[in-house]
Protein backbone atom coordinates (compact mmCIF):
# COMPACT_ATOMS: atom_id res chain seq x y z
CA MET A 1 -35.68 158.20 -40.39
CA THR A 2 -38.04 160.93 -41.50
CA ALA A 3 -36.20 163.95 -40.14
CA THR A 4 -33.45 165.66 -42.09
CA ALA A 5 -30.07 166.37 -40.54
CA GLU A 6 -28.18 169.59 -41.05
CA PRO A 7 -25.42 169.50 -43.69
CA GLN A 8 -22.45 167.46 -42.50
CA ILE A 9 -19.33 169.27 -41.36
CA THR A 10 -16.64 167.99 -43.69
CA ALA A 11 -13.34 166.55 -42.53
CA ARG A 12 -10.08 166.02 -44.38
CA PRO A 13 -10.04 162.76 -46.37
CA THR A 14 -6.64 161.91 -44.89
CA TYR A 15 -8.11 162.18 -41.39
CA LEU A 16 -11.06 159.93 -42.26
CA VAL A 17 -8.74 157.31 -43.75
CA ALA A 18 -6.40 157.44 -40.74
CA LYS A 19 -9.35 157.26 -38.35
CA ARG A 20 -10.73 154.20 -40.11
CA LEU A 21 -7.33 152.49 -40.02
CA LEU A 22 -7.11 153.27 -36.30
CA ASP A 23 -10.57 151.83 -35.76
CA ILE A 24 -9.76 148.60 -37.58
CA GLY A 25 -6.27 148.17 -36.17
CA LEU A 26 -6.80 149.18 -32.55
CA GLY A 27 -10.33 147.79 -32.54
CA THR A 28 -9.04 144.34 -33.55
CA VAL A 29 -6.27 144.45 -30.94
CA LEU A 30 -8.73 145.47 -28.20
CA LEU A 31 -11.16 142.75 -29.26
CA ILE A 32 -8.43 140.14 -28.87
CA LEU A 33 -7.08 141.54 -25.59
CA THR A 34 -10.52 141.84 -23.98
CA LEU A 35 -11.73 138.43 -25.13
CA PRO A 36 -11.03 136.78 -21.74
CA VAL A 37 -13.00 139.57 -20.00
CA MET A 38 -15.87 139.10 -22.43
CA VAL A 39 -15.93 135.35 -21.86
CA VAL A 40 -16.23 135.91 -18.11
CA ALA A 41 -18.92 138.56 -18.66
CA ALA A 42 -20.87 136.24 -20.95
CA LEU A 43 -20.80 133.44 -18.38
CA ALA A 44 -21.86 135.85 -15.62
CA VAL A 45 -24.86 137.03 -17.66
CA LEU A 46 -25.81 133.44 -18.47
CA VAL A 47 -25.64 132.25 -14.86
CA ASP A 48 -27.39 135.36 -13.49
CA SER A 49 -30.34 135.70 -15.88
CA GLY A 50 -30.01 133.18 -18.72
CA ARG A 51 -30.17 133.94 -22.42
CA PRO A 52 -29.77 135.96 -24.55
CA ILE A 53 -26.27 136.98 -23.57
CA ILE A 54 -25.84 139.59 -26.31
CA PHE A 55 -28.34 142.44 -26.55
CA ARG A 56 -29.03 143.67 -30.08
CA GLN A 57 -30.62 147.09 -30.51
CA ARG A 58 -31.29 149.42 -33.42
CA ARG A 59 -29.25 152.60 -33.09
CA VAL A 60 -28.82 155.68 -35.28
CA GLY A 61 -25.47 156.39 -36.85
CA LEU A 62 -23.85 158.69 -39.37
CA GLY A 63 -26.35 160.78 -41.31
CA GLY A 64 -29.34 159.20 -39.58
CA ARG A 65 -28.70 155.67 -40.88
CA GLU A 66 -29.76 152.88 -38.54
CA PHE A 67 -27.65 149.87 -37.60
CA THR A 68 -27.74 147.02 -35.08
CA MET A 69 -25.53 147.64 -32.07
CA PHE A 70 -24.19 144.79 -29.91
CA LYS A 71 -23.84 144.91 -26.12
CA PHE A 72 -23.87 142.45 -23.27
CA ARG A 73 -27.42 142.21 -21.96
CA THR A 74 -27.66 144.06 -18.65
CA MET A 75 -31.44 144.04 -18.21
CA LEU A 76 -34.04 141.35 -17.71
CA PRO A 77 -34.77 139.43 -20.95
CA GLU A 78 -38.28 140.89 -21.14
CA ASN A 79 -38.62 144.53 -20.13
CA ASP A 80 -40.84 147.56 -20.62
CA GLU A 81 -39.24 149.98 -23.11
CA SER A 82 -41.62 152.76 -22.08
CA ILE A 83 -39.56 153.34 -18.91
CA HIS A 84 -36.56 154.45 -20.96
CA ARG A 85 -38.74 156.39 -23.42
CA ARG A 86 -40.16 158.53 -20.60
CA TYR A 87 -36.70 159.02 -19.15
CA MET A 88 -35.30 160.20 -22.49
CA GLN A 89 -38.21 162.57 -23.00
CA ASP A 90 -37.55 164.11 -19.58
CA LEU A 91 -33.79 164.26 -20.23
CA LEU A 92 -34.13 165.92 -23.63
CA THR A 93 -36.63 168.49 -22.34
CA GLY A 94 -34.62 169.30 -19.21
CA ARG A 95 -37.17 167.79 -16.83
CA ALA A 96 -35.03 164.86 -15.70
CA ARG A 97 -34.41 164.92 -11.97
CA PRO A 98 -30.83 164.30 -10.87
CA ARG A 99 -30.06 161.76 -8.15
CA ARG A 100 -26.98 160.76 -6.21
CA ASN A 101 -25.13 157.58 -7.05
CA GLY A 102 -23.41 155.28 -4.56
CA ARG A 103 -20.43 157.64 -4.30
CA GLY A 104 -22.55 160.73 -3.68
CA GLU A 105 -22.15 162.17 -7.18
CA VAL A 106 -25.09 163.96 -8.79
CA VAL A 107 -26.05 162.03 -11.93
CA TYR A 108 -28.85 162.15 -14.48
CA LEU A 109 -28.78 158.43 -15.21
CA LEU A 110 -31.99 156.45 -14.93
CA ASP A 111 -32.16 154.28 -11.81
CA ASP A 112 -33.55 151.51 -13.97
CA PRO A 113 -35.38 148.70 -12.12
CA ARG A 114 -34.92 146.44 -15.16
CA VAL A 115 -31.14 146.17 -14.69
CA THR A 116 -29.89 142.88 -13.24
CA LYS A 117 -27.28 142.57 -10.49
CA VAL A 118 -24.61 141.43 -12.94
CA GLY A 119 -25.79 144.04 -15.42
CA ARG A 120 -25.21 146.81 -12.90
CA VAL A 121 -21.60 145.69 -12.43
CA LEU A 122 -21.04 145.44 -16.18
CA ARG A 123 -22.43 148.94 -16.69
CA THR A 124 -20.37 150.45 -13.89
CA LEU A 125 -17.17 149.06 -15.41
CA SER A 126 -18.34 149.71 -19.02
CA ILE A 127 -17.79 146.02 -19.80
CA ASP A 128 -21.25 145.82 -21.34
CA GLU A 129 -19.99 148.04 -24.18
CA LEU A 130 -17.11 145.76 -25.23
CA PRO A 131 -19.16 144.02 -27.99
CA ASN A 132 -19.33 147.49 -29.59
CA LEU A 133 -15.86 146.61 -30.89
CA VAL A 134 -17.57 144.40 -33.47
CA ASN A 135 -19.52 147.45 -34.65
CA VAL A 136 -16.30 149.44 -34.83
CA ILE A 137 -14.53 146.85 -36.97
CA ARG A 138 -17.61 146.51 -39.20
CA GLY A 139 -17.68 150.28 -39.72
CA ASP A 140 -21.02 151.04 -38.02
CA MET A 141 -19.20 152.92 -35.28
CA SER A 142 -15.83 154.43 -34.49
CA LEU A 143 -13.73 154.15 -31.36
CA VAL A 144 -14.32 157.87 -30.76
CA GLY A 145 -17.49 159.86 -31.44
CA PRO A 146 -20.88 160.72 -29.92
CA ARG A 147 -22.69 157.77 -28.40
CA PRO A 148 -25.27 156.34 -30.87
CA PRO A 149 -28.86 157.20 -29.93
CA ILE A 150 -31.97 155.03 -30.16
CA PRO A 151 -34.39 155.92 -33.01
CA TYR A 152 -37.11 157.16 -30.65
CA GLU A 153 -34.57 159.52 -29.07
CA VAL A 154 -33.70 160.99 -32.47
CA ALA A 155 -37.40 161.51 -33.16
CA MET A 156 -37.33 164.08 -30.32
CA TYR A 157 -34.20 165.91 -31.57
CA ASP A 158 -34.16 169.52 -32.65
CA GLN A 159 -31.90 170.66 -35.50
CA ARG A 160 -28.98 171.37 -33.18
CA SER A 161 -29.10 167.91 -31.64
CA TRP A 162 -29.22 166.38 -35.12
CA ARG A 163 -25.70 167.70 -35.75
CA ARG A 164 -24.44 164.94 -33.45
CA LEU A 165 -25.22 162.60 -36.34
CA SER A 166 -22.87 164.41 -38.73
CA VAL A 167 -20.04 162.12 -37.58
CA LYS A 168 -19.85 158.38 -37.02
CA PRO A 169 -20.93 157.40 -33.48
CA GLY A 170 -18.30 156.11 -31.09
CA MET A 171 -17.64 153.88 -28.11
CA THR A 172 -16.25 156.87 -26.21
CA GLY A 173 -16.19 160.62 -26.69
CA LEU A 174 -15.73 163.99 -25.04
CA ALA A 175 -18.95 163.60 -23.06
CA GLN A 176 -17.82 160.22 -21.75
CA VAL A 177 -14.45 161.49 -20.48
CA LYS A 178 -15.80 164.77 -19.10
CA GLY A 179 -18.69 163.58 -16.98
CA ARG A 180 -20.75 160.75 -18.48
CA GLY A 181 -23.98 160.49 -16.49
CA SER A 182 -23.29 163.64 -14.48
CA LEU A 183 -24.04 165.76 -17.58
CA THR A 184 -27.38 167.13 -18.74
CA PHE A 185 -28.45 166.38 -22.30
CA ASP A 186 -27.62 169.95 -23.36
CA GLU A 187 -24.12 169.56 -21.91
CA ILE A 188 -23.69 166.27 -23.79
CA VAL A 189 -24.75 167.93 -27.04
CA ASP A 190 -22.35 170.82 -26.38
CA LEU A 191 -19.43 168.42 -25.97
CA ASP A 192 -20.43 166.29 -28.95
CA LEU A 193 -20.63 169.36 -31.18
CA GLU A 194 -17.28 170.54 -29.84
CA TYR A 195 -15.89 167.21 -31.00
CA VAL A 196 -17.52 167.66 -34.43
CA ARG A 197 -15.80 171.05 -34.78
CA ARG A 198 -12.39 170.04 -33.45
CA ARG A 199 -12.09 166.42 -34.55
CA SER A 200 -8.63 165.27 -35.49
CA LEU A 201 -6.57 162.14 -35.07
CA TRP A 202 -4.69 163.74 -32.17
CA LEU A 203 -7.97 164.59 -30.41
CA ASP A 204 -9.17 161.01 -30.94
CA VAL A 205 -5.98 159.67 -29.35
CA LYS A 206 -6.31 162.05 -26.39
CA ILE A 207 -9.93 160.97 -25.83
CA LEU A 208 -8.95 157.29 -25.99
CA LEU A 209 -6.20 157.84 -23.41
CA ALA A 210 -8.56 159.86 -21.18
CA THR A 211 -11.13 157.06 -21.34
CA ILE A 212 -8.93 154.75 -19.26
CA PRO A 213 -8.93 156.87 -16.06
CA ALA A 214 -12.59 157.81 -16.68
CA VAL A 215 -13.60 154.15 -16.65
CA ILE A 216 -11.35 153.23 -13.73
CA GLY A 217 -12.54 156.24 -11.73
CA ARG A 218 -16.18 155.38 -12.57
CA ARG A 219 -17.10 159.06 -12.53
CA GLY A 220 -20.71 159.80 -13.46
CA VAL A 221 -22.02 156.23 -13.29
């Protein structure tokens, strides 16, 4: 990365240690418990659109460092990345046009033609993100934090948006439990920076608990 992030907002060492222990412990438990779901998801992807089953993508983490994130593949094996690039440019500049999802909610998510039928189901239920647990256990990500952006997204960030990278990215966060795709990019940044300011183990636990009804209710997807 060529840009420079603002100085990191420091957290108590005891919190960082406790957070890492939570990530390893709960992340391992969740990986074991969701293994049957992941096996079914893997078979569904394979039958629907073949290989690869796991999608590997470079993402940007703490302090602007890049890592490889794992997800179930939800798009066609060969796709045009420029579609998402244009969408992100419009989203970051406030030009993205909202649309209504199947439940009539106004969302800013891209109605991506590259997504497969199985992929759409996996995204709706957030099952495609379950391989992120490997990233959590490895230390690339945390269970709670801002969602990790793609490098070309970060290239369009201003200094304020860069502050999202002052904490480790997460599988879920304030933005995910308070609206997900129904939020504008500015609203997402606002919530992510609120998390940066307020982060604590208790807040992490509350976000994790709030993630369950958010996923079941499928709000903003």
